[in-house]
Amino acid sequence: MTQPSTSPDKTRVTTFDEFAQQVDYSLMDSLNADPDATADGDDHRARQVFSGHFVPVTPTPIGQPEYVAHSHGLFQELGLSDELAQDHKFTQLFSGDISAARAPMRNFGWATGYALSIYGTEYVRQCPFGTGNGYGDGRAISVFEGVFNGQRWEMQLKGGGPTPYCRGADGRAVLRSSVREFLAQEYMHALRVPTSRSLTLYVSKTDTVSRPWYSDHSNSFDPDIITENPVAISTRVAPSFLRVGQIELFARRARSHAYDNALEELRMIVMHLIAREYQDEIDPSLNFSDQVIELARLFRQRLSALVANWLRVGYCQGNFNSDNCAAGGFTLDYGPFGFCEVFDPEFQPWTGGGQHFSFFNQPTAAEANFHMFWTAIRPLLADDNESLERLDQIRRDFQEVMQEQLHHMWAAKLGLTEFNLDLFKELVTLMNRSEVDYTMFFRELSHIPEDISPLKKSFYTKTSAELDEKWQSWLSSWRDLVLAGQHLSTAADKMKRINPKYAWREWLIVPAYQQATQGEYSLIKELQEVLSHPYDEQSKEIEEKYYRLRPNEYLNAGGVSHYSCSS
């Protein structure tokens, strides 16, 4: 998702009325509303939604909203004045009060349903009705879709109150999780990893909700206390929020002949996906079957490249179900996520995630999600055997394409022109034995040292003479390959553009959201600045604070080294 930057001669949006004029509701205008929905969006109780692509719903405002932060970078890309973030009407809208809407805006937003598949297996038991008709955006409500500088964006409130898909929950997000999502999205963008973006973050000065969490200095695996948390609303932004699970939902309905136009609604949402996410790459003059096949090929490419990027930067999507898999091929869900510090192929920050969503298993999880996508779009080609075979071949080749992406990524991360499997396997073994800090190790390696002394800066354990000898042997072999045909400074510069210096370190994020609960937001702003330049050498003060190993007290700390999905 590469967006054009705003050039100086672009017209800036400086008022809320000007902002409202950018609205363009392609989803609500081209897809079907739930026929059982209310006319005014007053639709906040859990219920079954049997058909339609979206439910009109009004968000629930938070009490006395206070500005916490906004993304200066995204505001600039959209052509928005920074002052808008604290404009009264703008604050109203993005803290859940849609009464601020001005024509041509509508005075309601929308929520969408989707199906749930976990690792390639369909589920309905998470739906309170046991039918799959109650699963969807339980607390995510889109309130704006518009075109800014030629790029279409959708703006979605996270924590905007209950929807028909809320499954009895309160529809709220707490400040802790909202700060994490707000910072993480912009950090991933700075890492050049395709992602949804952060627009604004507001917190209520009056409203709180109870959530299970961890007591101070807890080493518990599961949350051990109930805490009162300020509620907050963050606004995330993307070209669309269409998910694999949404495509699946309509495929399931078509497969079961749930209603007369179920197959047509599947076709409609697939065409909408192409229009929203792939219009620059899929020729609209192609016949429908060819467009669907090209969609599958492009999504496979994006998804495999995305997961390779996740491994490059140490990101683990702890709950990579199909409903958390964006059909546009970018990082979407920032609930149970984490970044690997102490290297472990089985790293999994979410206590409910299991090994199947662990760090090095993410390519397999991606394939499972792609399988569900392939399964979902196959009914659209049911009468065309030749097209089905072409589609099926795209599915069969997923693993090969994924492997190519991984080999390319690891070669680049190691400064090599070609992937060397034996060298890589030996490296993974050594990294495991030495318990290296994933980000620091590769950054130190990017200096292409002659001996292992600088690398030890990234080791969490003291190494033996025997292990040091193995490291030195590996380093010499690797260095010879890197410097064959290129100058040291050239190779080092390339590696430093691949291997970030500044990582997401949960133990440095925790103080930011803890201070924020007391109305102090300076650390959030500091993190915004540091994490927006992850590849750069920064000040000595910043390096001493942010470029260091995790202190021992956080190695097994609840809420830091691992956490529940409570948000």
Protein backbone atom coordinates (compact mmCIF):
# COMPACT_ATOMS: atom_id res chain seq x y z
CA MET A 1 0.00 0.00 0.00
CA THR A 2 2.15 2.84 -1.26
CA GLN A 3 0.39 6.16 -1.20
CA PRO A 4 1.48 9.34 -2.95
CA SER A 5 2.91 11.96 -0.66
CA THR A 6 1.30 15.37 -0.56
CA SER A 7 3.18 17.93 -2.63
CA PRO A 8 3.35 21.56 -1.45
CA ASP A 9 0.94 22.80 -4.11
CA LYS A 10 -1.87 20.47 -3.03
CA THR A 11 -4.88 22.12 -1.46
CA ARG A 12 -4.86 21.58 2.29
CA VAL A 13 -8.02 20.59 4.16
CA THR A 14 -8.16 22.99 7.08
CA THR A 15 -11.80 22.88 8.24
CA PHE A 16 -14.25 20.15 9.11
CA ASP A 17 -16.63 21.32 6.39
CA GLU A 18 -13.85 20.93 3.83
CA PHE A 19 -13.12 17.47 5.23
CA ALA A 20 -16.79 16.46 4.88
CA GLN A 21 -16.70 17.34 1.18
CA GLN A 22 -14.17 14.54 0.56
CA VAL A 23 -16.72 11.86 1.42
CA ASP A 24 -17.54 9.15 -1.12
CA TYR A 25 -19.41 6.09 0.19
CA SER A 26 -18.46 3.47 -2.39
CA LEU A 27 -19.21 0.56 -0.04
CA MET A 28 -22.65 1.71 1.06
CA ASP A 29 -23.53 2.91 -2.43
CA SER A 30 -22.54 -0.24 -4.31
CA LEU A 31 -23.26 -3.06 -1.85
CA ASN A 32 -26.40 -4.27 -0.10
CA ALA A 33 -27.47 -3.14 3.36
CA ASP A 34 -28.90 -5.69 5.76
CA PRO A 35 -32.65 -5.65 4.95
CA ASP A 36 -33.48 -6.07 8.65
CA ALA A 37 -31.44 -3.04 9.74
CA THR A 38 -32.93 0.11 11.21
CA ALA A 39 -33.16 3.20 9.05
CA ASP A 40 -31.28 5.45 11.49
CA GLY A 41 -28.42 3.16 12.57
CA ASP A 42 -29.79 2.63 16.09
CA ASP A 43 -28.74 -1.01 15.98
CA HIS A 44 -26.57 -1.88 18.97
CA ARG A 45 -27.83 -5.17 20.38
CA ALA A 46 -26.37 -8.52 19.40
CA ARG A 47 -28.55 -10.22 16.82
CA GLN A 48 -28.33 -12.44 13.78
CA VAL A 49 -27.66 -10.76 10.43
CA PHE A 50 -28.86 -13.10 7.71
CA SER A 51 -27.95 -11.23 4.52
CA GLY A 52 -26.55 -8.00 3.15
CA HIS A 53 -22.98 -6.73 3.07
CA PHE A 54 -23.18 -4.19 5.88
CA VAL A 55 -25.35 -2.93 8.72
CA PRO A 56 -25.89 0.84 9.09
CA VAL A 57 -24.99 1.62 12.71
CA THR A 58 -24.22 4.71 14.74
CA PRO A 59 -21.17 4.72 17.00
CA THR A 60 -21.59 5.40 20.71
CA PRO A 61 -19.69 8.55 21.78
CA ILE A 62 -17.19 8.44 24.61
CA GLY A 63 -17.73 10.94 27.41
CA GLN A 64 -15.64 14.12 27.47
CA PRO A 65 -13.13 13.09 24.79
CA GLU A 66 -9.59 14.36 25.17
CA TYR A 67 -7.01 14.48 22.39
CA VAL A 68 -4.08 12.11 22.90
CA ALA A 69 -2.30 11.95 19.54
CA HIS A 70 -2.61 11.95 15.76
CA SER A 71 -0.37 10.79 12.94
CA HIS A 72 1.38 13.81 11.44
CA GLY A 73 2.62 11.65 8.58
CA LEU A 74 -0.79 10.35 7.59
CA PHE A 75 -2.38 13.80 7.96
CA GLN A 76 0.23 15.12 5.53
CA GLU A 77 -0.44 12.31 3.05
CA LEU A 78 -4.16 12.98 3.20
CA GLY A 79 -3.66 16.72 2.85
CA LEU A 80 -5.16 17.44 6.28
CA SER A 81 -4.04 20.30 8.46
CA ASP A 82 -2.58 19.14 11.79
CA GLU A 83 -4.89 21.60 13.55
CA LEU A 84 -7.88 19.51 12.44
CA ALA A 85 -6.99 16.82 15.00
CA GLN A 86 -8.15 19.15 17.77
CA ASP A 87 -11.00 20.78 15.86
CA HIS A 88 -14.25 20.40 17.82
CA LYS A 89 -16.29 18.75 15.05
CA PHE A 90 -13.40 16.53 13.98
CA THR A 91 -12.91 15.44 17.60
CA GLN A 92 -16.62 14.72 17.90
CA LEU A 93 -16.69 12.48 14.85
CA PHE A 94 -13.58 10.49 15.70
CA SER A 95 -14.53 10.05 19.33
CA GLY A 96 -17.82 8.46 18.29
CA ASP A 97 -20.27 11.36 18.05
CA ILE A 98 -21.52 11.14 14.48
CA SER A 99 -24.02 13.95 15.06
CA ALA A 100 -21.10 16.11 13.93
CA ALA A 101 -21.62 14.82 10.37
CA ARG A 102 -22.24 17.50 7.76
CA ALA A 103 -23.71 17.06 4.27
CA PRO A 104 -22.85 15.22 2.11
CA MET A 105 -21.89 12.94 5.02
CA ARG A 106 -24.50 10.57 6.47
CA ASN A 107 -25.41 10.48 10.13
CA PHE A 108 -24.57 6.81 10.57
CA GLY A 109 -21.63 4.53 9.93
CA TRP A 110 -21.48 0.85 9.07
CA ALA A 111 -20.33 -2.50 10.44
CA THR A 112 -19.71 -5.67 8.47
CA GLY A 113 -20.10 -9.36 9.11
CA TYR A 114 -17.58 -12.06 8.32
CA ALA A 115 -16.96 -15.73 8.80
CA LEU A 116 -14.30 -17.24 11.03
CA SER A 117 -11.76 -19.81 9.90
CA ILE A 118 -8.84 -20.79 12.10
CA TYR A 119 -5.89 -22.34 10.30
CA GLY A 120 -8.07 -23.46 7.43
CA THR A 121 -10.95 -24.88 9.49
CA GLU A 122 -14.39 -23.25 9.45
CA TYR A 123 -15.95 -22.35 12.81
CA VAL A 124 -19.35 -21.10 13.94
CA ARG A 125 -19.14 -21.75 17.69
CA GLN A 126 -17.78 -18.23 18.40
CA CYS A 127 -21.11 -16.94 17.13
CA PRO A 128 -23.55 -16.73 20.09
CA PHE A 129 -26.32 -18.16 17.92
CA GLY A 130 -24.30 -21.13 16.71
CA THR A 131 -25.10 -20.22 13.11
CA GLY A 132 -22.27 -17.91 12.03
CA ASN A 133 -24.76 -15.07 11.51
CA GLY A 134 -23.58 -13.08 14.52
CA TYR A 135 -19.87 -12.81 13.85
CA GLY A 136 -18.35 -9.57 12.55
CA ASP A 137 -17.36 -6.04 13.53
CA GLY A 138 -18.33 -6.12 17.19
CA ARG A 139 -16.71 -2.79 18.09
CA ALA A 140 -15.31 -1.54 14.79
CA ILE A 141 -17.50 1.01 13.03
CA SER A 142 -16.52 2.76 9.83
CA VAL A 143 -17.68 6.37 9.79
CA PHE A 144 -16.05 7.86 6.70
CA GLU A 145 -14.96 6.81 3.24
CA GLY A 146 -13.52 9.38 0.90
CA VAL A 147 -10.95 10.30 -1.70
CA PHE A 148 -7.91 12.34 -0.68
CA ASN A 149 -5.36 13.37 -3.31
CA GLY A 150 -6.64 10.69 -5.66
CA GLN A 151 -6.46 7.86 -3.09
CA ARG A 152 -9.53 6.25 -1.54
CA TRP A 153 -9.43 5.73 2.23
CA GLU A 154 -11.84 4.27 4.77
CA MET A 155 -11.79 5.49 8.36
CA GLN A 156 -12.89 3.11 11.07
CA LEU A 157 -13.39 3.67 14.80
CA LYS A 158 -11.90 0.96 17.02
CA GLY A 159 -13.90 0.91 20.24
CA GLY A 160 -16.87 2.84 18.88
CA GLY A 161 -19.46 0.94 20.92
CA PRO A 162 -21.59 -2.15 20.28
CA THR A 163 -22.93 -3.27 16.92
CA PRO A 164 -25.23 -6.20 16.04
CA TYR A 165 -22.03 -8.31 15.96
CA CYS A 166 -20.92 -7.42 19.49
CA ARG A 167 -21.84 -10.85 20.92
CA GLY A 168 -22.95 -9.20 24.15
CA ALA A 169 -19.74 -7.25 24.76
CA ASP A 170 -19.54 -3.52 25.50
CA GLY A 171 -17.97 -2.52 22.16
CA ARG A 172 -15.26 -0.51 23.87
CA ALA A 173 -11.47 -0.43 23.61
CA VAL A 174 -9.28 0.56 26.54
CA LEU A 175 -6.53 3.16 26.42
CA ARG A 176 -3.81 0.51 26.79
CA SER A 177 -4.73 -1.40 23.62
CA SER A 178 -5.54 1.80 21.76
CA VAL A 179 -2.09 3.26 22.41
CA ARG A 180 -0.49 0.00 21.26
CA GLU A 181 -2.49 -0.09 18.02
CA PHE A 182 -2.00 3.60 17.32
CA LEU A 183 1.79 3.37 17.67
CA ALA A 184 2.20 -0.04 16.03
CA GLN A 185 0.42 0.83 12.80
CA GLU A 186 2.58 3.87 12.16
CA TYR A 187 5.73 1.96 13.20
CA MET A 188 4.96 -0.77 10.67
CA HIS A 189 4.43 1.86 7.99
CA ALA A 190 7.83 3.35 8.81
CA LEU A 191 9.30 -0.15 8.49
CA ARG A 192 7.87 -0.26 4.95
CA VAL A 193 5.54 -3.13 5.81
CA PRO A 194 2.05 -2.84 4.24
CA THR A 195 -0.38 -1.94 7.01
CA SER A 196 -3.52 -0.13 8.05
CA ARG A 197 -2.68 3.32 9.38
CA SER A 198 -3.44 5.41 12.46
CA LEU A 199 -5.34 8.68 12.17
CA THR A 200 -6.26 9.85 15.68
CA LEU A 201 -6.49 8.72 19.30
CA TYR A 202 -8.92 10.16 21.84
CA VAL A 203 -9.55 9.08 25.43
CA SER A 204 -12.58 9.64 27.62
CA LYS A 205 -12.06 11.70 30.76
CA THR A 206 -15.11 10.11 32.39
CA ASP A 207 -15.77 6.58 31.05
CA THR A 208 -14.04 3.41 32.20
CA VAL A 209 -14.55 -0.31 31.68
CA SER A 210 -13.36 -3.37 33.59
CA ARG A 211 -10.87 -5.73 31.97
CA PRO A 212 -8.73 -8.64 33.17
CA TRP A 213 -5.03 -7.79 33.16
CA TYR A 214 -1.77 -8.44 35.00
CA SER A 215 -0.74 -7.14 38.40
CA ASP A 216 2.58 -5.34 38.80
CA HIS A 217 5.56 -7.71 38.55
CA SER A 218 3.25 -10.60 37.68
CA ASN A 219 4.75 -13.70 36.08
CA SER A 220 1.34 -15.24 35.58
CA PHE A 221 0.52 -16.72 32.18
CA ASP A 222 -3.09 -15.53 32.36
CA PRO A 223 -4.34 -12.17 33.69
CA ASP A 224 -4.57 -12.25 37.48
CA ILE A 225 -6.54 -9.09 38.34
CA ILE A 226 -9.48 -7.03 37.10
CA THR A 227 -8.62 -3.40 36.36
CA GLU A 228 -10.62 -0.28 35.57
CA ASN A 229 -9.43 1.22 32.33
CA PRO A 230 -10.17 4.53 30.60
CA VAL A 231 -12.00 3.93 27.34
CA ALA A 232 -10.51 5.28 24.15
CA ILE A 233 -11.22 5.36 20.44
CA SER A 234 -8.48 5.07 17.88
CA THR A 235 -9.25 5.57 14.20
CA ARG A 236 -7.56 3.23 11.78
CA VAL A 237 -7.37 3.98 8.08
CA ALA A 238 -6.97 1.75 5.01
CA PRO A 239 -8.07 1.63 1.36
CA SER A 240 -10.68 -0.83 2.65
CA PHE A 241 -11.25 -3.15 5.58
CA LEU A 242 -12.36 -6.08 3.44
CA ARG A 243 -11.17 -9.35 4.94
CA VAL A 244 -10.80 -12.91 3.73
CA GLY A 245 -13.46 -13.77 6.32
CA GLN A 246 -15.93 -11.45 4.60
CA ILE A 247 -15.49 -13.21 1.27
CA GLU A 248 -15.86 -16.52 3.10
CA LEU A 249 -19.13 -15.47 4.71
CA PHE A 250 -20.83 -14.93 1.38
CA ALA A 251 -19.30 -18.08 -0.07
CA ARG A 252 -20.74 -20.11 2.80
CA ARG A 253 -24.15 -18.55 2.22
CA ALA A 254 -23.93 -19.25 -1.50
CA ARG A 255 -22.82 -22.82 -0.87
CA SER A 256 -25.76 -23.48 1.45
CA HIS A 257 -28.25 -21.52 -0.71
CA ALA A 258 -29.07 -19.46 2.38
CA TYR A 259 -31.20 -17.06 0.31
CA ASP A 260 -32.01 -16.44 -3.33
CA ASN A 261 -29.30 -13.93 -4.21
CA ALA A 262 -26.49 -15.34 -2.02
CA LEU A 263 -24.24 -16.13 -4.99
CA GLU A 264 -24.88 -12.67 -6.41
CA GLU A 265 -23.87 -11.07 -3.11
CA LEU A 266 -20.64 -13.09 -3.23
CA ARG A 267 -19.98 -11.82 -6.76
CA MET A 268 -20.75 -8.25 -5.67
CA ILE A 269 -18.32 -8.24 -2.77
CA VAL A 270 -15.54 -9.78 -4.88
CA MET A 271 -16.04 -7.12 -7.53
CA HIS A 272 -16.02 -4.48 -4.80
CA LEU A 273 -12.75 -5.91 -3.48
CA ILE A 274 -11.21 -5.61 -6.94
CA ALA A 275 -12.43 -2.02 -7.27
CA ARG A 276 -11.19 -1.00 -3.83
CA GLU A 277 -7.85 -2.81 -3.62
CA TYR A 278 -6.76 -3.93 -7.10
CA GLN A 279 -8.15 -1.43 -9.61
CA ASP A 280 -4.68 -0.29 -10.68
CA GLU A 281 -3.58 -3.85 -11.41
CA ILE A 282 -6.65 -5.61 -12.82
CA ASP A 283 -7.89 -4.50 -16.22
CA PRO A 284 -11.66 -3.84 -15.91
CA SER A 285 -12.10 -4.80 -19.57
CA LEU A 286 -11.22 -8.41 -18.76
CA ASN A 287 -14.10 -10.82 -18.48
CA PHE A 288 -15.22 -11.64 -14.95
CA SER A 289 -13.49 -15.04 -14.77
CA ASP A 290 -10.15 -13.55 -15.78
CA GLN A 291 -10.54 -10.78 -13.21
CA VAL A 292 -11.16 -13.34 -10.45
CA ILE A 293 -8.11 -15.37 -11.49
CA GLU A 294 -5.95 -12.26 -11.59
CA LEU A 295 -7.28 -11.28 -8.16
CA ALA A 296 -6.18 -14.62 -6.74
CA ARG A 297 -2.72 -14.31 -8.28
CA LEU A 298 -2.20 -10.77 -7.01
CA PHE A 299 -3.49 -11.54 -3.53
CA ARG A 300 -1.15 -14.54 -3.34
CA GLN A 301 1.76 -12.26 -4.24
CA ARG A 302 0.79 -9.59 -1.72
CA LEU A 303 0.09 -12.03 1.10
CA SER A 304 3.32 -13.99 0.68
CA ALA A 305 5.35 -10.75 0.45
CA LEU A 306 3.59 -9.41 3.54
CA VAL A 307 4.44 -12.42 5.68
CA ALA A 308 8.05 -12.36 4.49
CA ASN A 309 8.16 -8.74 5.63
CA TRP A 310 6.73 -9.74 9.01
CA LEU A 311 9.60 -12.15 9.52
CA ARG A 312 12.09 -9.54 8.31
CA VAL A 313 11.14 -7.08 11.06
CA GLY A 314 10.33 -9.60 13.81
CA TYR A 315 6.56 -9.11 13.81
CA CYS A 316 4.25 -11.89 14.99
CA GLN A 317 0.51 -11.72 14.20
CA GLY A 318 -0.55 -13.81 17.16
CA ASN A 319 -4.09 -14.46 15.89
CA PHE A 320 -3.81 -14.79 12.12
CA ASN A 321 -7.32 -16.12 11.47
CA SER A 322 -9.02 -15.48 8.14
CA ASP A 323 -11.08 -12.66 9.67
CA ASN A 324 -7.82 -10.92 10.64
CA CYS A 325 -6.40 -11.33 7.14
CA ALA A 326 -6.96 -8.27 4.95
CA ALA A 327 -7.99 -9.20 1.42
CA GLY A 328 -5.89 -6.27 0.25
CA GLY A 329 -2.76 -7.99 1.53
CA PHE A 330 -1.70 -5.71 4.38
CA THR A 331 -1.36 -5.97 8.15
CA LEU A 332 -4.77 -5.39 9.69
CA ASP A 333 -5.27 -6.63 13.23
CA TYR A 334 -3.25 -5.14 16.08
CA GLY A 335 -4.80 -6.95 19.02
CA PRO A 336 -2.70 -9.96 20.00
CA PHE A 337 0.52 -8.96 18.22
CA GLY A 338 4.12 -8.68 19.31
CA PHE A 339 7.68 -8.24 18.09
CA CYS A 340 10.34 -10.86 18.70
CA GLU A 341 13.12 -9.71 21.03
CA VAL A 342 14.87 -12.85 22.27
CA PHE A 343 15.04 -14.89 19.08
CA ASP A 344 12.75 -17.89 19.11
CA PRO A 345 11.17 -19.42 15.98
CA GLU A 346 8.21 -20.39 18.20
CA PHE A 347 7.74 -16.89 19.65
CA GLN A 348 4.06 -16.23 20.31
CA PRO A 349 3.12 -13.18 22.43
CA TRP A 350 -0.58 -14.01 22.77
CA THR A 351 -1.47 -16.48 25.49
CA GLY A 352 -4.40 -17.79 23.45
CA GLY A 353 -2.54 -18.12 20.15
CA GLY A 354 -0.79 -21.46 20.26
CA GLN A 355 2.18 -22.63 18.23
CA HIS A 356 0.28 -22.62 14.93
CA PHE A 357 0.39 -18.80 14.91
CA SER A 358 3.96 -18.54 16.20
CA PHE A 359 6.69 -16.46 14.57
CA PHE A 360 8.15 -18.91 12.02
CA ASN A 361 4.78 -20.61 11.44
CA GLN A 362 3.26 -17.49 9.91
CA PRO A 363 3.91 -18.59 6.30
CA THR A 364 1.87 -21.74 6.95
CA ALA A 365 -0.90 -19.72 8.59
CA ALA A 366 -0.91 -17.43 5.54
CA GLU A 367 -1.31 -20.44 3.27
CA ALA A 368 -4.28 -21.62 5.35
CA ASN A 369 -5.91 -18.21 4.92
CA PHE A 370 -5.19 -18.19 1.21
CA HIS A 371 -6.75 -21.63 0.99
CA MET A 372 -9.96 -20.26 2.51
CA PHE A 373 -9.88 -17.34 0.07
CA TRP A 374 -9.44 -19.75 -2.87
CA THR A 375 -12.27 -21.92 -1.54
CA ALA A 376 -14.51 -18.86 -1.22
CA ILE A 377 -14.06 -17.55 -4.78
CA ARG A 378 -14.25 -20.94 -6.54
CA PRO A 379 -18.09 -20.90 -6.71
CA LEU A 380 -17.86 -17.85 -8.96
CA LEU A 381 -16.15 -19.98 -11.61
CA ALA A 382 -18.21 -23.14 -11.11
CA ASP A 383 -19.40 -23.28 -14.74
CA ASP A 384 -15.97 -22.68 -16.28
CA ASN A 385 -13.68 -25.71 -15.97
CA GLU A 386 -10.75 -24.05 -17.73
CA SER A 387 -10.85 -21.07 -15.38
CA LEU A 388 -11.19 -23.35 -12.36
CA GLU A 389 -8.04 -25.20 -13.36
CA ARG A 390 -6.12 -21.93 -13.68
CA LEU A 391 -7.40 -20.86 -10.27
CA ASP A 392 -6.52 -24.21 -8.73
CA GLN A 393 -2.99 -23.98 -10.10
CA ILE A 394 -2.58 -20.62 -8.34
CA ARG A 395 -3.58 -22.35 -5.12
CA ARG A 396 -1.20 -25.27 -5.70
CA ASP A 397 1.72 -22.90 -6.25
CA PHE A 398 1.25 -20.93 -3.03
CA GLN A 399 3.94 -22.76 -1.07
CA GLU A 400 6.48 -22.31 -3.86
CA VAL A 401 5.72 -18.59 -4.14
CA MET A 402 5.91 -18.20 -0.37
CA GLN A 403 9.28 -19.95 -0.28
CA GLU A 404 10.61 -17.68 -3.02
CA GLN A 405 9.55 -14.63 -1.02
CA LEU A 406 11.21 -15.96 2.12
CA HIS A 407 14.45 -16.82 0.33
CA HIS A 408 14.57 -13.37 -1.23
CA MET A 409 13.92 -11.74 2.15
CA TRP A 410 16.54 -13.75 4.05
CA ALA A 411 19.12 -13.15 1.33
CA ALA A 412 18.49 -9.39 1.53
CA LYS A 413 18.52 -9.42 5.32
CA LEU A 414 21.91 -11.15 5.21
CA GLY A 415 23.28 -8.91 2.47
CA LEU A 416 23.54 -11.80 -0.02
CA THR A 417 22.70 -11.85 -3.69
CA GLU A 418 21.44 -15.44 -3.37
CA PHE A 419 19.87 -17.38 -0.52
CA ASN A 420 22.24 -19.94 1.02
CA LEU A 421 20.26 -22.62 2.86
CA ASP A 422 23.18 -24.23 4.73
CA LEU A 423 24.46 -20.87 5.92
CA PHE A 424 20.95 -19.89 7.04
CA LYS A 425 20.31 -23.13 8.95
CA GLU A 426 23.59 -22.79 10.80
CA LEU A 427 22.79 -19.19 11.65
CA VAL A 428 19.37 -20.07 13.11
CA THR A 429 21.01 -22.71 15.31
CA LEU A 430 23.63 -20.24 16.57
CA MET A 431 21.03 -17.52 17.18
CA ASN A 432 18.99 -19.95 19.24
CA ARG A 433 21.93 -21.14 21.30
CA SER A 434 23.11 -17.60 22.03
CA GLU A 435 19.60 -16.22 22.64
CA VAL A 436 20.25 -13.19 20.47
CA ASP A 437 18.12 -10.09 20.37
CA TYR A 438 16.58 -10.39 16.91
CA THR A 439 16.70 -6.71 15.91
CA MET A 440 20.03 -5.85 17.52
CA PHE A 441 21.77 -8.90 16.08
CA PHE A 442 20.90 -8.12 12.48
CA ARG A 443 21.65 -4.44 12.93
CA GLU A 444 25.10 -5.22 14.36
CA LEU A 445 25.64 -7.73 11.55
CA SER A 446 24.83 -4.94 9.08
CA HIS A 447 28.18 -3.34 10.00
CA ILE A 448 29.81 -6.51 8.58
CA PRO A 449 32.25 -7.03 11.46
CA GLU A 450 35.43 -9.09 11.08
CA ASP A 451 35.03 -10.81 14.45
CA ILE A 452 32.11 -11.63 16.71
CA SER A 453 32.83 -9.09 19.46
CA PRO A 454 30.30 -6.48 18.21
CA LEU A 455 27.66 -9.19 17.78
CA LYS A 456 27.87 -10.09 21.47
CA LYS A 457 26.15 -6.80 22.20
CA SER A 458 22.96 -8.61 21.08
CA PHE A 459 23.47 -11.82 23.11
CA TYR A 460 21.32 -12.48 26.17
CA THR A 461 23.58 -15.34 27.34
CA LYS A 462 27.30 -15.70 27.97
CA THR A 463 28.82 -17.87 25.27
CA SER A 464 31.47 -20.55 25.63
CA ALA A 465 34.78 -20.61 23.78
CA GLU A 466 33.44 -23.47 21.66
CA LEU A 467 30.34 -21.49 20.68
CA ASP A 468 32.45 -18.42 19.95
CA GLU A 469 34.56 -20.50 17.60
CA LYS A 470 31.44 -21.67 15.75
CA TRP A 471 30.24 -18.09 15.49
CA GLN A 472 33.60 -16.94 14.12
CA SER A 473 33.63 -19.70 11.53
CA TRP A 474 30.10 -18.81 10.41
CA LEU A 475 30.92 -15.11 10.34
CA SER A 476 33.98 -15.64 8.15
CA SER A 477 32.05 -17.78 5.66
CA TRP A 478 29.19 -15.29 5.54
CA ARG A 479 31.49 -12.29 5.19
CA ASP A 480 33.28 -13.81 2.22
CA LEU A 481 29.95 -14.28 0.44
CA VAL A 482 28.74 -10.75 1.21
CA LEU A 483 31.93 -9.05 0.03
CA ALA A 484 32.29 -11.08 -3.14
CA GLY A 485 31.78 -8.50 -5.88
CA GLN A 486 30.71 -5.51 -3.73
CA HIS A 487 32.42 -2.97 -1.51
CA LEU A 488 31.98 -3.26 2.26
CA SER A 489 30.34 0.16 2.64
CA THR A 490 27.87 -0.58 -0.16
CA ALA A 491 26.89 -3.91 1.37
CA ALA A 492 26.56 -2.38 4.84
CA ASP A 493 24.34 0.45 3.58
CA LYS A 494 22.02 -2.03 1.85
CA MET A 495 21.70 -4.16 4.98
CA LYS A 496 20.95 -1.15 7.17
CA ARG A 497 18.03 -0.30 4.90
CA ILE A 498 16.65 -3.81 5.46
CA ASN A 499 17.46 -4.31 9.14
CA PRO A 500 15.97 -1.65 11.43
CA LYS A 501 17.87 -0.29 14.39
CA TYR A 502 14.88 0.57 16.56
CA ALA A 503 12.43 -2.15 17.47
CA TRP A 504 9.07 -2.30 19.16
CA ARG A 505 9.94 -3.24 22.74
CA GLU A 506 6.87 -3.87 24.86
CA TRP A 507 8.65 -2.92 28.09
CA LEU A 508 9.18 0.57 26.62
CA ILE A 509 5.57 0.82 25.43
CA VAL A 510 4.05 -0.08 28.81
CA PRO A 511 5.21 3.16 30.55
CA ALA A 512 3.67 5.18 27.70
CA TYR A 513 0.16 3.82 28.19
CA GLN A 514 0.54 3.80 31.96
CA GLN A 515 1.44 7.50 31.94
CA ALA A 516 -1.39 8.16 29.50
CA THR A 517 -3.93 6.91 32.06
CA GLN A 518 -2.75 9.84 34.21
CA GLY A 519 -3.19 12.32 31.36
CA GLU A 520 0.51 12.47 30.48
CA TYR A 521 1.11 11.88 26.76
CA SER A 522 4.73 13.03 26.28
CA LEU A 523 6.11 9.49 26.12
CA ILE A 524 3.62 8.58 23.39
CA LYS A 525 4.89 11.53 21.36
CA GLU A 526 8.50 10.49 22.00
CA LEU A 527 7.75 6.96 20.81
CA GLN A 528 5.99 8.34 17.74
CA GLU A 529 9.16 10.20 16.82
CA VAL A 530 11.60 7.35 17.53
CA LEU A 531 9.52 4.67 15.82
CA SER A 532 8.87 6.82 12.75
CA HIS A 533 12.60 6.60 11.86
CA PRO A 534 13.45 2.97 12.68
CA TYR A 535 16.34 2.63 10.21
CA ASP A 536 18.09 5.88 11.13
CA GLU A 537 20.91 6.49 13.54
CA GLN A 538 19.38 8.78 16.16
CA SER A 539 20.82 10.74 19.08
CA LYS A 540 23.12 9.17 21.67
CA GLU A 541 20.39 9.69 24.27
CA ILE A 542 17.80 7.85 22.16
CA GLU A 543 20.25 5.03 21.42
CA GLU A 544 21.03 4.49 25.09
CA LYS A 545 17.33 4.35 25.93
CA TYR A 546 15.89 2.38 23.02
CA TYR A 547 18.74 0.30 21.56
CA ARG A 548 19.41 -2.18 24.32
CA LEU A 549 18.57 -5.64 25.54
CA ARG A 550 15.42 -6.34 27.48
CA PRO A 551 16.10 -6.09 31.24
CA ASN A 552 15.88 -9.42 33.08
CA GLU A 553 12.81 -8.43 35.09
CA TYR A 554 10.75 -8.33 31.90
CA LEU A 555 11.80 -11.69 30.46
CA ASN A 556 8.71 -13.53 31.73
CA ALA A 557 6.56 -10.64 32.86
CA GLY A 558 2.81 -10.83 32.28
CA GLY A 559 1.63 -7.96 30.09
CA VAL A 560 5.13 -7.53 28.65
CA SER A 561 6.63 -10.80 27.42
CA HIS A 562 3.16 -12.27 26.95
CA TYR A 563 -0.39 -10.99 27.25
CA SER A 564 -3.98 -11.91 26.77
CA CYS A 565 -6.14 -10.46 24.00
CA SER A 566 -8.05 -8.37 26.54
CA SER A 567 -8.54 -4.90 25.13
